[in-house]
Every structure is written in C-alpha cells, then in structure tokens.
Amino acid sequence: MVTARTRVVVFWQSPAGYLLSGVTATLADQLGSGVFLSSGIGTSGVSLELNLSYVDVASIGEEIEVEGKLLRAGKSVGVVSVDFRKKKTGKLIAQARHTKYLAVSSKL
C-alpha cells in the first residue's frame, strides 16, 4: 500500500474552481506505478487501462489523501486501486482502477 497527502493548489483548478479530473488521473497513474514498485515487483509496468469514477469534488486549498493498494500481480498483468479522499472528512472524491502490463522487457 502507498499513501500520499497533498493540498489542492490553484494550478490544479478547473474553470469551476475544483480539482481537475486530469490531475486526478495523473496522480492515480503515478501512485499506481509506485504501488507496483514498492511491492517488490521490480517494474512499474506499462498502462493497459486506467478507469476513474468521480463521486465528489475537492476545492482549492483542501487537503486530500490518496491511497493505492495492490489488488493483483500475476506473471504479466497487475491491478491496483487508488482512492482519493478528503482528509478532513474521509469522504470519497474519486476511485481509480489501474491495470498494467508487468512482463520484463526483452534484452535485445
């Protein structure tokens, strides 16, 4: 499991003043890779699928917690889940599922 905490900054805001969905996707991608690396797999893999469900918004200045968990790591494919929550209330903001190809690259 990998956990991170950050404050939503103005550079990440949508025109409506909330956390951009693209920033959420980028954080899910990066933290998902970190989960594979910290699990001793030896590679961060190559993304096959990144699925996000957005259930709430985070405002500028709000602190959020991001938690990534390894769901499965097989011989060639692995899956992690990444949850985004408001630090103050624990309320879910978004949930991601990240599937990656993990096979070792050729030595050619």
Protein backbone atom coordinates (compact mmCIF):
# COMPACT_ATOMS: atom_id res chain seq x y z
CA MET A 1 0.00 0.00 0.00
CA VAL A 2 1.19 3.53 -0.80
CA THR A 3 -0.33 6.64 0.78
CA ALA A 4 0.17 10.29 -0.12
CA ARG A 5 -1.29 13.55 1.11
CA THR A 6 -1.45 16.85 -0.74
CA ARG A 7 -3.26 20.15 -0.77
CA VAL A 8 -5.20 21.12 -3.91
CA VAL A 9 -3.37 24.13 -5.38
CA VAL A 10 -4.62 26.80 -7.75
CA PHE A 11 -2.63 25.37 -10.69
CA TRP A 12 -4.81 22.24 -10.50
CA GLN A 13 -8.17 24.00 -10.64
CA SER A 14 -10.89 23.60 -13.23
CA PRO A 15 -12.80 26.66 -14.53
CA ALA A 16 -15.36 25.91 -11.80
CA GLY A 17 -12.65 26.10 -9.09
CA TYR A 18 -12.36 22.41 -8.27
CA LEU A 19 -9.61 19.80 -8.69
CA LEU A 20 -9.22 18.98 -12.39
CA SER A 21 -10.13 15.45 -13.40
CA GLY A 22 -6.90 15.21 -15.41
CA VAL A 23 -4.84 15.91 -12.29
CA THR A 24 -6.71 13.13 -10.51
CA ALA A 25 -5.95 10.74 -13.39
CA THR A 26 -2.27 11.72 -13.38
CA LEU A 27 -2.00 11.19 -9.62
CA ALA A 28 -3.71 7.79 -9.98
CA ASP A 29 -1.24 6.81 -12.70
CA GLN A 30 1.81 7.90 -10.69
CA LEU A 31 0.67 6.42 -7.39
CA GLY A 32 -0.38 3.20 -9.13
CA SER A 33 3.14 2.84 -10.51
CA GLY A 34 4.51 3.48 -7.03
CA VAL A 35 2.39 0.65 -5.62
CA PHE A 36 3.93 -1.85 -8.06
CA LEU A 37 7.47 -0.65 -7.35
CA SER A 38 7.02 -0.68 -3.57
CA SER A 39 5.52 -4.19 -3.70
CA GLY A 40 8.85 -5.66 -4.82
CA ILE A 41 7.67 -6.48 -8.34
CA GLY A 42 10.69 -4.75 -9.86
CA THR A 43 8.84 -2.81 -12.55
CA SER A 44 6.20 -0.11 -12.67
CA GLY A 45 4.72 -1.70 -15.81
CA VAL A 46 3.00 -0.21 -18.82
CA SER A 47 -0.58 1.04 -18.52
CA LEU A 48 -3.24 -1.09 -20.18
CA GLU A 49 -6.27 0.59 -18.63
CA LEU A 50 -6.97 3.42 -16.22
CA ASN A 51 -10.57 3.75 -15.07
CA LEU A 52 -11.75 6.54 -12.78
CA SER A 53 -15.06 7.17 -11.06
CA TYR A 54 -15.57 10.70 -9.77
CA VAL A 55 -18.07 10.94 -6.89
CA ASP A 56 -17.32 14.34 -5.32
CA VAL A 57 -15.16 17.45 -5.80
CA ALA A 58 -12.16 18.83 -3.94
CA SER A 59 -11.89 22.59 -3.59
CA ILE A 60 -8.77 24.72 -3.89
CA GLY A 61 -6.86 24.65 -0.59
CA GLU A 62 -8.49 21.43 0.56
CA GLU A 63 -6.19 18.65 1.75
CA ILE A 64 -6.69 15.23 0.17
CA GLU A 65 -5.33 11.77 0.92
CA VAL A 66 -4.56 9.29 -1.84
CA GLU A 67 -4.19 5.59 -1.07
CA GLY A 68 -3.07 2.95 -3.54
CA LYS A 69 -3.47 -0.80 -2.93
CA LEU A 70 -2.23 -3.77 -4.90
CA LEU A 71 -5.21 -5.92 -5.88
CA ARG A 72 -3.41 -8.49 -8.04
CA ALA A 73 0.02 -9.08 -9.52
CA GLY A 74 0.30 -12.02 -11.89
CA LYS A 75 3.06 -13.06 -14.27
CA SER A 76 2.25 -10.39 -16.82
CA VAL A 77 -0.64 -8.24 -15.58
CA GLY A 78 -1.23 -6.38 -12.33
CA VAL A 79 -4.08 -4.30 -10.93
CA VAL A 80 -4.12 -1.57 -8.29
CA SER A 81 -6.91 0.53 -6.83
CA VAL A 82 -6.38 4.16 -5.88
CA ASP A 83 -8.80 6.02 -3.57
CA PHE A 84 -8.94 9.81 -3.25
CA ARG A 85 -10.48 11.11 -0.01
CA LYS A 86 -10.97 14.45 1.72
CA LYS A 87 -8.57 14.42 4.66
CA LYS A 88 -10.91 16.33 6.95
CA THR A 89 -14.00 14.14 6.48
CA GLY A 90 -12.69 10.93 4.88
CA LYS A 91 -15.33 11.35 2.17
CA LEU A 92 -14.51 9.62 -1.14
CA ILE A 93 -13.72 12.02 -4.00
CA ALA A 94 -12.69 9.56 -6.70
CA GLN A 95 -11.72 5.94 -7.14
CA ALA A 96 -9.38 4.56 -9.79
CA ARG A 97 -8.52 1.09 -11.01
CA HIS A 98 -5.23 0.82 -12.86
CA THR A 99 -4.29 -2.26 -14.90
CA LYS A 100 -0.69 -2.63 -16.05
CA TYR A 101 1.36 -5.00 -18.18
CA LEU A 102 4.25 -6.17 -15.99
CA ALA A 103 6.28 -8.54 -18.14
CA VAL A 104 10.01 -7.93 -18.21
CA SER A 105 11.22 -6.32 -21.41
CA SER A 106 13.38 -8.21 -23.90
CA LYS A 107 17.17 -7.97 -23.64
CA LEU A 108 17.59 -7.47 -27.41
